Amino acid sequence: MQSYDEDLFENKFFVNLQSKYAEIYNFAADNRYMICVPRTGHSSSKYLYTEEDYRNHILIPVDDTPGTFKTANDKEVTIQSGVITTGQGFKDVRNVSNAYTT
């Protein structure tokens, strides 16, 4: 898997998460949960994110199922071979490929 090559402190999603939604960010950071950060320039990067959207990007591991996560608002997400797939609780099933980890 490739490494992330974008400065997170220049990413509007991440900056807003840390400042406007600090409670959500601190919850994730304090518990060492994964934060999925959309890349700058991605089609959704022009979208105005809501609190629910930010909670959708916090992934909490499901202990008994490797690669399966619950979001901070209790929706299901899986990650396999660098592909993030939305599941139960989301309006649509979506796949995001080229997921990077650091």
N, C-alpha and C. Protein backbone atom coordinates (compact mmCIF):
# COMPACT_ATOMS: atom_id res chain seq x y z
N MET A 1 0.84 -1.17 0.00
CA MET A 1 0.00 0.00 0.00
C MET A 1 0.89 1.24 0.00
N GLN A 2 0.52 2.23 -0.79
CA GLN A 2 1.31 3.44 -0.89
C GLN A 2 1.11 4.31 0.34
N SER A 3 2.06 5.24 0.55
CA SER A 3 1.91 6.16 1.66
C SER A 3 1.18 7.41 1.18
N TYR A 4 0.62 8.13 2.11
CA TYR A 4 -0.14 9.34 1.81
C TYR A 4 0.83 10.46 1.50
N ASP A 5 0.66 11.16 0.39
CA ASP A 5 1.63 12.15 -0.05
C ASP A 5 1.12 13.59 0.05
N GLU A 6 0.08 13.81 0.80
CA GLU A 6 -0.51 15.14 0.93
C GLU A 6 -0.26 15.66 2.34
N ASP A 7 0.00 16.96 2.47
CA ASP A 7 0.17 17.57 3.78
C ASP A 7 -1.22 17.70 4.41
N LEU A 8 -1.46 16.92 5.45
CA LEU A 8 -2.78 16.93 6.09
C LEU A 8 -3.17 18.31 6.62
N PHE A 9 -2.19 19.10 7.00
CA PHE A 9 -2.49 20.41 7.56
C PHE A 9 -2.88 21.43 6.48
N GLU A 10 -2.87 21.00 5.23
CA GLU A 10 -3.37 21.82 4.13
C GLU A 10 -4.67 21.24 3.56
N ASN A 11 -5.12 20.14 4.12
CA ASN A 11 -6.34 19.48 3.67
C ASN A 11 -7.53 20.08 4.43
N LYS A 12 -8.47 20.68 3.70
CA LYS A 12 -9.59 21.38 4.34
C LYS A 12 -10.43 20.45 5.21
N PHE A 13 -10.66 19.23 4.75
CA PHE A 13 -11.43 18.28 5.54
C PHE A 13 -10.76 18.07 6.90
N PHE A 14 -9.47 17.77 6.89
CA PHE A 14 -8.75 17.48 8.12
C PHE A 14 -8.66 18.72 9.02
N VAL A 15 -8.38 19.87 8.44
CA VAL A 15 -8.29 21.11 9.22
C VAL A 15 -9.62 21.43 9.88
N ASN A 16 -10.72 21.28 9.13
CA ASN A 16 -12.06 21.53 9.71
C ASN A 16 -12.39 20.50 10.79
N LEU A 17 -11.99 19.26 10.59
CA LEU A 17 -12.23 18.24 11.61
C LEU A 17 -11.54 18.63 12.91
N GLN A 18 -10.29 19.09 12.82
CA GLN A 18 -9.55 19.46 14.02
C GLN A 18 -10.07 20.73 14.68
N SER A 19 -10.58 21.67 13.88
CA SER A 19 -10.99 22.95 14.46
C SER A 19 -12.50 23.02 14.75
N LYS A 20 -13.32 22.87 13.73
CA LYS A 20 -14.77 23.00 13.90
C LYS A 20 -15.40 21.80 14.59
N TYR A 21 -14.78 20.63 14.44
CA TYR A 21 -15.32 19.40 15.02
C TYR A 21 -14.27 18.74 15.92
N ALA A 22 -13.67 19.57 16.76
CA ALA A 22 -12.58 19.11 17.63
C ALA A 22 -13.01 17.96 18.54
N GLU A 23 -14.26 17.95 18.98
CA GLU A 23 -14.73 16.86 19.84
C GLU A 23 -14.66 15.51 19.11
N ILE A 24 -15.04 15.51 17.84
CA ILE A 24 -14.98 14.28 17.04
C ILE A 24 -13.53 13.88 16.81
N TYR A 25 -12.68 14.87 16.45
CA TYR A 25 -11.27 14.59 16.23
C TYR A 25 -10.62 14.04 17.50
N ASN A 26 -10.86 14.68 18.63
CA ASN A 26 -10.26 14.23 19.89
C ASN A 26 -10.74 12.84 20.29
N PHE A 27 -12.00 12.54 20.05
CA PHE A 27 -12.53 11.20 20.30
C PHE A 27 -11.73 10.17 19.51
N ALA A 28 -11.51 10.44 18.22
CA ALA A 28 -10.76 9.52 17.37
C ALA A 28 -9.30 9.44 17.80
N ALA A 29 -8.68 10.58 18.03
CA ALA A 29 -7.26 10.60 18.40
C ALA A 29 -7.02 9.94 19.75
N ASP A 30 -7.84 10.26 20.73
CA ASP A 30 -7.67 9.69 22.07
C ASP A 30 -7.81 8.17 22.08
N ASN A 31 -8.64 7.65 21.19
CA ASN A 31 -8.87 6.21 21.12
C ASN A 31 -8.06 5.52 20.03
N ARG A 32 -7.27 6.30 19.30
CA ARG A 32 -6.41 5.81 18.23
C ARG A 32 -7.22 5.13 17.12
N TYR A 33 -8.38 5.71 16.81
CA TYR A 33 -9.21 5.21 15.73
C TYR A 33 -8.72 5.77 14.39
N MET A 34 -9.03 5.08 13.32
CA MET A 34 -8.64 5.51 11.99
C MET A 34 -9.53 6.65 11.53
N ILE A 35 -8.92 7.64 10.90
CA ILE A 35 -9.65 8.76 10.30
C ILE A 35 -9.43 8.68 8.80
N CYS A 36 -10.50 8.54 8.05
CA CYS A 36 -10.42 8.52 6.58
C CYS A 36 -10.52 9.95 6.09
N VAL A 37 -9.46 10.43 5.47
CA VAL A 37 -9.38 11.82 5.03
C VAL A 37 -9.46 11.87 3.50
N PRO A 38 -10.53 12.46 2.95
CA PRO A 38 -10.60 12.60 1.49
C PRO A 38 -9.45 13.46 0.98
N ARG A 39 -8.85 13.04 -0.11
CA ARG A 39 -7.76 13.80 -0.70
C ARG A 39 -8.25 15.13 -1.24
N THR A 40 -7.43 16.16 -1.11
CA THR A 40 -7.74 17.44 -1.72
C THR A 40 -7.83 17.23 -3.23
N GLY A 41 -8.84 17.83 -3.84
CA GLY A 41 -9.02 17.68 -5.27
C GLY A 41 -9.95 16.53 -5.63
N HIS A 42 -10.27 15.68 -4.64
CA HIS A 42 -11.24 14.61 -4.88
C HIS A 42 -12.58 15.25 -5.15
N SER A 43 -13.42 14.59 -5.90
CA SER A 43 -14.71 15.19 -6.29
C SER A 43 -15.52 15.67 -5.10
N SER A 44 -15.40 14.99 -3.96
CA SER A 44 -16.18 15.40 -2.79
C SER A 44 -15.49 16.50 -1.99
N SER A 45 -14.28 16.91 -2.40
CA SER A 45 -13.57 17.92 -1.61
C SER A 45 -14.22 19.30 -1.70
N LYS A 46 -15.10 19.52 -2.68
CA LYS A 46 -15.81 20.80 -2.80
C LYS A 46 -17.12 20.78 -2.03
N TYR A 47 -17.50 19.63 -1.54
CA TYR A 47 -18.74 19.42 -0.79
C TYR A 47 -18.59 20.02 0.61
N LEU A 48 -19.66 20.62 1.12
CA LEU A 48 -19.64 21.13 2.49
C LEU A 48 -20.05 20.00 3.43
N TYR A 49 -19.11 19.51 4.20
CA TYR A 49 -19.34 18.37 5.08
C TYR A 49 -20.15 18.77 6.30
N THR A 50 -21.01 17.84 6.73
CA THR A 50 -21.81 18.02 7.94
C THR A 50 -21.15 17.25 9.09
N GLU A 51 -21.67 17.43 10.29
CA GLU A 51 -21.16 16.67 11.43
C GLU A 51 -21.31 15.17 11.18
N GLU A 52 -22.42 14.76 10.59
CA GLU A 52 -22.62 13.35 10.28
C GLU A 52 -21.54 12.84 9.32
N ASP A 53 -21.19 13.65 8.33
CA ASP A 53 -20.15 13.25 7.39
C ASP A 53 -18.82 13.03 8.10
N TYR A 54 -18.47 13.92 9.01
CA TYR A 54 -17.22 13.76 9.75
C TYR A 54 -17.25 12.49 10.59
N ARG A 55 -18.37 12.21 11.22
CA ARG A 55 -18.50 10.98 12.01
C ARG A 55 -18.40 9.73 11.12
N ASN A 56 -18.86 9.84 9.88
CA ASN A 56 -18.75 8.72 8.94
C ASN A 56 -17.29 8.39 8.61
N HIS A 57 -16.41 9.34 8.79
CA HIS A 57 -15.00 9.15 8.43
C HIS A 57 -14.14 8.67 9.60
N ILE A 58 -14.73 8.45 10.77
CA ILE A 58 -14.02 7.90 11.93
C ILE A 58 -14.33 6.41 11.97
N LEU A 59 -13.30 5.58 11.85
CA LEU A 59 -13.50 4.13 11.79
C LEU A 59 -13.02 3.45 13.06
N ILE A 60 -13.93 2.73 13.69
CA ILE A 60 -13.69 2.02 14.94
C ILE A 60 -13.65 0.52 14.62
N PRO A 61 -12.54 -0.16 14.89
CA PRO A 61 -12.45 -1.58 14.55
C PRO A 61 -13.50 -2.42 15.26
N VAL A 62 -14.05 -3.40 14.56
CA VAL A 62 -14.94 -4.39 15.15
C VAL A 62 -14.04 -5.54 15.58
N ASP A 63 -13.98 -5.78 16.88
CA ASP A 63 -13.00 -6.71 17.46
C ASP A 63 -12.99 -8.10 16.85
N ASP A 64 -14.14 -8.67 16.58
CA ASP A 64 -14.18 -10.06 16.15
C ASP A 64 -14.18 -10.25 14.63
N THR A 65 -14.04 -9.15 13.87
CA THR A 65 -14.08 -9.24 12.40
C THR A 65 -12.99 -8.36 11.78
N PRO A 66 -11.84 -8.94 11.44
CA PRO A 66 -10.76 -8.15 10.83
C PRO A 66 -11.23 -7.47 9.54
N GLY A 67 -10.83 -6.21 9.37
CA GLY A 67 -11.19 -5.47 8.16
C GLY A 67 -12.57 -4.85 8.21
N THR A 68 -13.28 -5.03 9.33
CA THR A 68 -14.62 -4.46 9.48
C THR A 68 -14.59 -3.39 10.56
N PHE A 69 -15.26 -2.29 10.28
CA PHE A 69 -15.28 -1.14 11.18
C PHE A 69 -16.69 -0.62 11.33
N LYS A 70 -16.93 0.06 12.43
CA LYS A 70 -18.13 0.85 12.63
C LYS A 70 -17.69 2.31 12.61
N THR A 71 -18.50 3.16 12.01
CA THR A 71 -18.17 4.58 12.03
C THR A 71 -18.56 5.15 13.40
N ALA A 72 -18.19 6.38 13.65
CA ALA A 72 -18.54 7.02 14.93
C ALA A 72 -20.03 7.26 15.05
N ASN A 73 -20.78 7.05 13.98
CA ASN A 73 -22.24 7.11 14.07
C ASN A 73 -22.87 5.77 13.71
N ASP A 74 -22.11 4.69 13.98
CA ASP A 74 -22.60 3.31 13.96
C ASP A 74 -23.02 2.77 12.59
N LYS A 75 -22.31 3.18 11.56
CA LYS A 75 -22.52 2.60 10.22
C LYS A 75 -21.37 1.63 9.96
N GLU A 76 -21.56 0.73 9.00
CA GLU A 76 -20.56 -0.31 8.76
C GLU A 76 -19.68 0.02 7.55
N VAL A 77 -18.38 -0.25 7.71
CA VAL A 77 -17.40 -0.04 6.65
C VAL A 77 -16.44 -1.22 6.67
N THR A 78 -16.03 -1.68 5.48
CA THR A 78 -15.00 -2.71 5.41
C THR A 78 -13.83 -2.16 4.61
N ILE A 79 -12.63 -2.68 4.91
CA ILE A 79 -11.44 -2.34 4.15
C ILE A 79 -10.75 -3.64 3.79
N GLN A 80 -10.61 -3.87 2.49
CA GLN A 80 -9.91 -5.06 2.00
C GLN A 80 -9.07 -4.66 0.80
N SER A 81 -7.81 -5.03 0.85
CA SER A 81 -6.87 -4.76 -0.25
C SER A 81 -6.88 -3.30 -0.67
N GLY A 82 -6.93 -2.38 0.30
CA GLY A 82 -6.88 -0.96 0.00
C GLY A 82 -8.18 -0.37 -0.52
N VAL A 83 -9.26 -1.13 -0.49
CA VAL A 83 -10.56 -0.63 -0.96
C VAL A 83 -11.48 -0.49 0.25
N ILE A 84 -12.01 0.71 0.42
CA ILE A 84 -12.96 0.99 1.49
C ILE A 84 -14.36 0.85 0.90
N THR A 85 -15.22 0.06 1.57
CA THR A 85 -16.58 -0.17 1.09
C THR A 85 -17.56 0.19 2.19
N THR A 86 -18.53 1.04 1.85
CA THR A 86 -19.58 1.37 2.81
C THR A 86 -20.59 0.24 2.84
N GLY A 87 -21.21 0.07 3.98
CA GLY A 87 -22.16 -1.02 4.15
C GLY A 87 -23.42 -0.57 4.86
N GLN A 88 -23.85 -1.39 5.81
CA GLN A 88 -25.09 -1.17 6.54
C GLN A 88 -25.11 0.22 7.18
N GLY A 89 -26.22 0.92 6.98
CA GLY A 89 -26.40 2.24 7.55
C GLY A 89 -26.18 3.38 6.56
N PHE A 90 -25.43 3.11 5.49
CA PHE A 90 -25.22 4.11 4.46
C PHE A 90 -26.35 4.04 3.43
N LYS A 91 -26.66 5.17 2.83
CA LYS A 91 -27.70 5.24 1.81
C LYS A 91 -27.33 4.39 0.60
N ASP A 92 -26.08 4.47 0.18
CA ASP A 92 -25.59 3.73 -0.98
C ASP A 92 -24.35 2.94 -0.61
N VAL A 93 -24.14 1.84 -1.29
CA VAL A 93 -22.87 1.11 -1.16
C VAL A 93 -21.89 1.77 -2.11
N ARG A 94 -20.75 2.19 -1.56
CA ARG A 94 -19.71 2.84 -2.37
C ARG A 94 -18.37 2.20 -2.08
N ASN A 95 -17.54 2.19 -3.10
CA ASN A 95 -16.18 1.68 -2.97
C ASN A 95 -15.20 2.81 -3.26
N VAL A 96 -14.23 2.97 -2.39
CA VAL A 96 -13.18 3.94 -2.60
C VAL A 96 -11.88 3.17 -2.69
N SER A 97 -11.28 3.20 -3.88
CA SER A 97 -10.02 2.48 -4.04
C SER A 97 -8.86 3.43 -3.82
N ASN A 98 -7.67 2.88 -3.81
CA ASN A 98 -6.45 3.63 -3.56
C ASN A 98 -6.45 4.25 -2.17
N ALA A 99 -6.91 3.49 -1.20
CA ALA A 99 -6.86 3.95 0.18
C ALA A 99 -5.42 3.91 0.66
N TYR A 100 -4.98 4.97 1.29
CA TYR A 100 -3.61 5.08 1.77
C TYR A 100 -3.60 5.01 3.29
N THR A 101 -2.55 4.49 3.84
CA THR A 101 -2.38 4.49 5.28
C THR A 101 -1.03 5.08 5.62
N THR A 102 -0.92 5.61 6.82
CA THR A 102 0.38 6.10 7.28
C THR A 102 0.75 5.42 8.56
